[in-house]
Amino acid sequence: MKPLPLEPGDTIGVVAPASAPASLARFRAGIVQLERRGYRVEAGRSVFAEKGYLSGTDDERLDELNGFLRRDDVKMVIAARGGYGCLRLLPRLDYAAARACPKLLVGYSDVTALHLALWRHAALPGISGPMVAVDWPDLDPASEAQFWSIARGETCDALTGPSGEPLRPLREGVAEGPLLGGNLSTIARLVGTPYLPSFEQAILFVEDVGEAPYRIDALLAQLRLAGAFDKLGGLVVGAFTRWRADTEPDPAAPSPDDIFRAYFGDARFPVARGLVYGHFPVKSSLPVGVRARLRVTSAMAQLSLLEPVAHPPL
């Protein structure tokens, strides 16, 4: 079962499954923006809690998220922010409720752990997209339009950046399969757990922030050694921001592009780069768990969404 598309007047639940909002003022501004678009917004209590680097205790965050997953009147759940903490919730997520009352979970970064676990154990698709306290206070019109297009259940022949930025080729080929991915370091942390889905014939998309070149290399090496790329259908590389520390610049360090070219320049599957997706304001939203096609030639790269993330409107 797929979620239904959101309609004006529907209820959106806001959760903090990882870290607390860095700014309550921005969090409230994000709520206002969603309400202005005609939605009823209900925030969980742990959004206002803070326990070290977590937004409340594990029990508080888990009860809040499971509570929204169980409610059939809540049509979408959006994370307040990422940070860290979602991994701690995976064993006790209510996967049965996610199957019985399917709804779109929206977020990125640390929320990648929830997206992949819910896909593996409940076949629930989601959206790697804007978060309430991070993006929604001042979400640009192009990014917002793309988000609502995906959330409404629309597909597309060529997914581009919000301003029409095309993908760029790295390795030629054609692949078709489920579109899975998100934050690279979070994906790597799921290796060896029962929450990482199979990437067999999948099209994987990745991004990250604040990871030095050697750490990006190590994350890819870990996934390769674990066999994650053995039967991969295709790869789409997003943005790797703040990869070079201003305090310790290393002019000899390879760039993220260099590292991905070294790992995948002669891959047996298609690889595209230049996806406008990552830790910055104007970016694409991407569905998680829908069927997609990646076609890469020497001159172009194209990612097509073949299946809606939600039931399309009648």
Protein backbone atom coordinates (compact mmCIF):
# COMPACT_ATOMS: atom_id res chain seq x y z
CA MET A 1 0.00 0.00 0.00
CA LYS A 2 1.15 3.51 -0.79
CA PRO A 3 0.34 6.70 1.12
CA LEU A 4 -2.36 8.98 -0.15
CA PRO A 5 -1.27 12.39 -1.44
CA LEU A 6 -1.64 15.28 0.96
CA GLU A 7 -4.67 17.54 0.49
CA PRO A 8 -5.28 21.00 1.99
CA GLY A 9 -6.82 20.61 5.44
CA ASP A 10 -4.97 17.35 6.14
CA THR A 11 -2.93 16.89 9.30
CA ILE A 12 0.86 16.89 9.25
CA GLY A 13 2.67 15.48 12.27
CA VAL A 14 6.03 17.01 13.15
CA VAL A 15 8.54 14.86 15.01
CA ALA A 16 12.10 15.19 16.31
CA PRO A 17 13.47 11.64 16.02
CA ALA A 18 17.08 12.78 16.26
CA SER A 19 18.37 16.13 17.55
CA ALA A 20 16.39 19.10 18.84
CA PRO A 21 15.83 22.12 16.57
CA ALA A 22 18.81 24.44 16.71
CA SER A 23 16.40 27.39 16.79
CA LEU A 24 12.87 27.28 18.16
CA ALA A 25 12.18 30.53 16.32
CA ARG A 26 12.97 28.87 12.99
CA PHE A 27 11.00 25.81 14.01
CA ARG A 28 7.91 27.92 14.69
CA ALA A 29 8.46 29.81 11.43
CA GLY A 30 8.49 26.49 9.57
CA ILE A 31 5.20 25.51 11.20
CA VAL A 32 3.69 28.83 10.12
CA GLN A 33 4.71 28.24 6.51
CA LEU A 34 3.03 24.84 6.43
CA GLU A 35 -0.11 26.23 8.06
CA ARG A 36 -0.22 29.02 5.48
CA ARG A 37 -0.45 26.35 2.81
CA GLY A 38 -3.67 25.09 4.34
CA TYR A 39 -2.50 22.20 6.51
CA ARG A 40 -3.19 21.43 10.13
CA VAL A 41 0.16 20.95 11.85
CA GLU A 42 0.60 19.03 15.09
CA ALA A 43 4.02 18.96 16.75
CA GLY A 44 5.15 16.23 19.12
CA ARG A 45 6.34 17.12 22.62
CA SER A 46 9.91 15.94 22.12
CA VAL A 47 10.45 18.74 19.60
CA PHE A 48 10.72 21.05 22.61
CA ALA A 49 12.84 18.68 24.69
CA GLU A 50 16.61 18.50 24.75
CA LYS A 51 18.80 15.79 26.21
CA GLY A 52 22.39 16.38 25.19
CA TYR A 53 22.58 15.91 21.43
CA LEU A 54 19.14 14.25 21.39
CA SER A 55 15.67 15.72 21.36
CA GLY A 56 14.45 14.01 24.52
CA THR A 57 14.95 10.42 25.61
CA ASP A 58 14.75 7.47 23.23
CA ASP A 59 11.38 6.51 24.73
CA GLU A 60 10.00 10.01 24.25
CA ARG A 61 11.13 10.26 20.64
CA LEU A 62 10.01 6.73 19.84
CA ASP A 63 6.56 7.12 21.43
CA GLU A 64 6.06 10.34 19.51
CA LEU A 65 7.02 8.86 16.13
CA ASN A 66 5.12 5.61 16.66
CA GLY A 67 2.10 7.58 17.81
CA PHE A 68 1.96 9.49 14.54
CA LEU A 69 2.59 6.31 12.51
CA ARG A 70 -0.44 4.69 14.15
CA ARG A 71 -2.88 7.53 13.50
CA ASP A 72 -4.91 7.26 10.32
CA ASP A 73 -5.85 10.96 10.53
CA VAL A 74 -2.20 12.01 10.11
CA LYS A 75 -1.38 12.05 6.39
CA MET A 76 2.29 13.07 6.50
CA VAL A 77 5.08 13.11 9.09
CA ILE A 78 7.91 15.65 8.73
CA ALA A 79 11.08 15.72 10.81
CA ALA A 80 11.98 18.95 12.56
CA ARG A 81 15.67 18.36 11.79
CA GLY A 82 18.31 15.66 11.49
CA GLY A 83 21.46 15.60 13.59
CA TYR A 84 21.78 12.26 15.33
CA GLY A 85 19.50 9.77 17.07
CA CYS A 86 17.36 7.93 14.51
CA LEU A 87 19.55 4.82 14.62
CA ARG A 88 18.64 4.31 18.28
CA LEU A 89 14.93 4.02 17.42
CA LEU A 90 15.05 1.37 14.68
CA PRO A 91 14.54 -1.80 16.77
CA ARG A 92 11.29 -0.51 18.29
CA LEU A 93 9.69 1.30 15.37
CA ASP A 94 6.10 0.19 14.80
CA TYR A 95 6.58 -1.33 11.34
CA ALA A 96 3.15 -2.94 11.49
CA ALA A 97 1.54 0.48 11.91
CA ALA A 98 3.61 1.83 9.02
CA ARG A 99 2.16 -0.92 6.82
CA ALA A 100 -1.41 -0.56 8.11
CA CYS A 101 -1.58 3.27 7.95
CA PRO A 102 0.91 4.23 5.23
CA LYS A 103 1.94 7.87 5.26
CA LEU A 104 4.87 9.81 3.86
CA LEU A 105 7.83 10.44 6.16
CA VAL A 106 9.79 13.52 5.08
CA GLY A 107 13.34 14.44 6.07
CA TYR A 108 16.95 13.87 5.14
CA SER A 109 20.40 13.48 6.73
CA ASP A 110 19.96 11.31 9.86
CA VAL A 111 16.36 10.56 8.79
CA THR A 112 17.94 8.34 6.11
CA ALA A 113 18.05 5.60 8.77
CA LEU A 114 14.27 5.75 9.20
CA HIS A 115 13.62 5.82 5.45
CA LEU A 116 15.72 2.73 4.77
CA ALA A 117 14.45 0.76 7.77
CA LEU A 118 10.81 1.54 6.97
CA TRP A 119 11.38 0.55 3.35
CA ARG A 120 13.00 -2.75 4.32
CA HIS A 121 10.52 -3.80 7.01
CA ALA A 122 7.29 -2.10 5.93
CA ALA A 123 7.79 -1.39 2.20
CA LEU A 124 6.89 2.22 3.07
CA PRO A 125 8.22 4.82 0.62
CA GLY A 126 9.20 8.28 1.81
CA ILE A 127 10.63 11.59 0.66
CA SER A 128 14.15 12.79 1.32
CA GLY A 129 13.09 16.40 1.51
CA PRO A 130 12.74 19.65 3.47
CA MET A 131 12.60 19.64 7.27
CA VAL A 132 10.53 21.98 9.42
CA ALA A 133 13.19 23.79 11.46
CA VAL A 134 15.86 23.73 8.74
CA ASP A 135 14.29 24.37 5.35
CA TRP A 136 10.63 25.35 5.65
CA PRO A 137 11.14 28.79 7.27
CA ASP A 138 12.56 30.15 4.02
CA LEU A 139 12.14 27.38 1.45
CA ASP A 140 12.68 28.76 -2.05
CA PRO A 141 9.77 28.47 -4.53
CA ALA A 142 11.55 26.12 -6.95
CA SER A 143 12.54 23.61 -4.24
CA GLU A 144 9.05 23.77 -2.74
CA ALA A 145 7.35 23.23 -6.11
CA GLN A 146 9.45 20.12 -6.74
CA PHE A 147 8.69 18.77 -3.26
CA TRP A 148 4.91 19.15 -3.65
CA SER A 149 5.06 17.64 -7.14
CA ILE A 150 6.62 14.47 -5.71
CA ALA A 151 4.37 14.45 -2.63
CA ARG A 152 1.27 14.70 -4.85
CA GLY A 153 2.27 11.50 -6.59
CA GLU A 154 3.64 12.90 -9.82
CA THR A 155 6.34 11.17 -11.84
CA CYS A 156 8.81 12.65 -14.31
CA ASP A 157 10.87 11.64 -17.30
CA ALA A 158 13.92 13.60 -16.15
CA LEU A 159 14.46 14.70 -12.58
CA THR A 160 16.60 17.83 -12.56
CA GLY A 161 17.67 20.34 -9.94
CA PRO A 162 15.17 22.99 -8.79
CA SER A 163 16.48 25.40 -11.41
CA GLY A 164 16.69 22.74 -14.11
CA GLU A 165 20.26 21.65 -13.40
CA PRO A 166 20.92 18.42 -15.35
CA LEU A 167 22.83 15.40 -14.14
CA ARG A 168 26.30 14.80 -15.58
CA PRO A 169 27.64 11.45 -16.81
CA LEU A 170 30.38 9.52 -15.04
CA ARG A 171 29.84 5.94 -16.25
CA GLU A 172 27.59 4.89 -19.12
CA GLY A 173 24.74 2.39 -18.89
CA VAL A 174 21.05 1.91 -18.14
CA ALA A 175 19.49 0.67 -14.90
CA GLU A 176 15.97 0.29 -13.58
CA GLY A 177 15.05 -0.47 -9.98
CA PRO A 178 14.03 1.01 -6.63
CA LEU A 179 15.47 4.43 -5.84
CA LEU A 180 17.14 4.23 -2.42
CA GLY A 181 19.64 6.32 -0.55
CA GLY A 182 20.29 9.48 1.40
CA ASN A 183 23.15 10.40 3.70
CA LEU A 184 26.26 8.32 2.95
CA SER A 185 27.61 8.09 6.51
CA THR A 186 24.19 7.05 7.83
CA ILE A 187 23.93 4.36 5.16
CA ALA A 188 27.36 3.03 6.13
CA ARG A 189 26.32 2.88 9.80
CA LEU A 190 23.55 0.44 8.83
CA VAL A 191 25.99 -2.11 7.42
CA GLY A 192 25.74 -5.37 9.35
CA THR A 193 22.34 -4.49 10.81
CA PRO A 194 18.91 -5.85 9.85
CA TYR A 195 17.83 -2.37 8.76
CA LEU A 196 19.88 -1.87 5.60
CA PRO A 197 17.81 -2.95 2.58
CA SER A 198 19.27 -4.92 -0.28
CA PHE A 199 20.70 -2.72 -3.01
CA GLU A 200 20.31 -5.45 -5.62
CA GLN A 201 19.38 -3.68 -8.87
CA ALA A 202 18.66 -0.52 -6.85
CA ILE A 203 19.58 3.00 -7.95
CA LEU A 204 21.46 4.47 -5.00
CA PHE A 205 21.70 8.22 -4.37
CA VAL A 206 24.11 9.71 -1.81
CA GLU A 207 25.21 12.99 -0.24
CA ASP A 208 27.04 14.11 2.89
CA VAL A 209 28.36 17.12 4.79
CA GLY A 210 31.51 17.81 6.77
CA GLU A 211 33.29 14.59 5.76
CA ALA A 212 36.98 14.90 4.90
CA PRO A 213 38.17 13.18 1.71
CA TYR A 214 39.73 10.24 3.55
CA ARG A 215 36.44 9.69 5.42
CA ILE A 216 34.42 9.70 2.20
CA ASP A 217 36.89 7.15 0.86
CA ALA A 218 36.53 5.05 4.02
CA LEU A 219 32.72 5.12 3.86
CA LEU A 220 32.76 3.90 0.25
CA ALA A 221 35.36 1.28 1.11
CA GLN A 222 33.20 0.00 3.98
CA LEU A 223 30.17 -0.35 1.73
CA ARG A 224 32.22 -2.01 -1.01
CA LEU A 225 33.78 -4.48 1.43
CA ALA A 226 30.31 -5.29 2.78
CA GLY A 227 29.16 -6.19 -0.76
CA ALA A 228 26.71 -3.29 -1.03
CA PHE A 229 27.83 -2.48 -4.58
CA ASP A 230 28.09 -6.07 -5.85
CA LYS A 231 24.63 -6.12 -7.45
CA LEU A 232 23.90 -2.39 -7.50
CA GLY A 233 21.88 -1.19 -10.47
CA GLY A 234 23.15 2.39 -10.62
CA LEU A 235 24.51 5.31 -8.61
CA VAL A 236 23.64 9.02 -8.49
CA VAL A 237 26.09 11.27 -6.65
CA GLY A 238 24.77 14.34 -4.87
CA ALA A 239 26.65 17.13 -3.12
CA PHE A 240 29.43 16.62 -0.59
CA THR A 241 29.63 19.96 1.19
CA ARG A 242 32.18 21.34 3.67
CA TRP A 243 34.55 18.47 2.82
CA ARG A 244 37.67 20.55 3.28
CA ALA A 245 38.24 22.03 6.76
CA ASP A 246 39.00 25.75 6.60
CA THR A 247 41.42 25.37 9.50
CA GLU A 248 43.47 22.61 7.89
CA PRO A 249 43.24 22.93 4.10
CA ASP A 250 45.10 20.22 2.26
CA PRO A 251 45.74 21.25 -1.35
CA ALA A 252 46.87 17.71 -2.15
CA ALA A 253 43.65 16.09 -0.94
CA PRO A 254 41.44 14.61 -3.65
CA SER A 255 38.01 16.15 -4.10
CA PRO A 256 34.83 14.10 -3.60
CA ASP A 257 34.53 14.00 -7.41
CA ASP A 258 38.03 12.50 -7.61
CA ILE A 259 37.14 9.83 -5.04
CA PHE A 260 33.92 8.80 -6.76
CA ARG A 261 35.71 8.70 -10.11
CA ALA A 262 38.36 6.41 -8.62
CA TYR A 263 35.74 4.06 -7.16
CA PHE A 264 33.18 4.08 -9.96
CA GLY A 265 34.88 5.34 -13.13
CA ASP A 266 34.95 1.79 -14.50
CA ALA A 267 31.87 0.45 -12.69
CA ARG A 268 29.74 -2.16 -14.44
CA PHE A 269 26.63 0.01 -13.76
CA PRO A 270 25.66 3.56 -14.78
CA VAL A 271 26.89 6.41 -12.58
CA ALA A 272 25.74 10.04 -12.72
CA ARG A 273 26.95 13.02 -10.73
CA GLY A 274 25.88 16.60 -10.15
CA LEU A 275 22.61 15.82 -8.36
CA VAL A 276 21.45 19.04 -6.66
CA TYR A 277 20.80 17.30 -3.36
CA GLY A 278 22.56 17.80 -0.05
CA HIS A 279 23.02 20.01 2.97
CA PHE A 280 22.25 23.39 1.43
CA PRO A 281 19.08 25.48 0.97
CA VAL A 282 18.11 25.13 -2.71
CA LYS A 283 17.97 21.42 -3.46
CA SER A 284 15.94 18.62 -4.97
CA SER A 285 13.62 16.38 -3.02
CA LEU A 286 13.90 12.69 -3.85
CA PRO A 287 11.43 9.86 -3.31
CA VAL A 288 12.77 6.82 -1.47
CA GLY A 289 11.52 3.39 -2.48
CA VAL A 290 9.92 4.13 -5.86
CA ARG A 291 10.88 2.54 -9.15
CA ALA A 292 13.22 4.67 -11.23
CA ARG A 293 15.40 4.48 -14.33
CA LEU A 294 18.93 5.83 -14.70
CA ARG A 295 20.23 6.27 -18.23
CA VAL A 296 23.76 7.57 -18.78
CA THR A 297 25.54 8.13 -22.09
CA SER A 298 28.82 9.86 -22.84
CA ALA A 299 26.89 13.10 -23.39
CA MET A 300 24.06 13.05 -20.83
CA ALA A 301 22.59 11.49 -17.70
CA GLN A 302 18.90 11.18 -16.90
CA LEU A 303 17.04 9.96 -13.82
CA SER A 304 13.38 9.14 -14.46
CA LEU A 305 10.77 8.49 -11.78
CA LEU A 306 8.64 5.63 -13.11
CA GLU A 307 6.37 5.22 -10.11
CA PRO A 308 4.66 7.71 -7.76
CA VAL A 309 5.65 7.87 -4.11
CA ALA A 310 1.97 8.36 -3.21
CA HIS A 311 -1.27 7.42 -4.92
CA PRO A 312 -1.74 10.05 -7.63
CA PRO A 313 -4.82 12.26 -7.28
CA LEU A 314 -7.98 11.02 -8.98
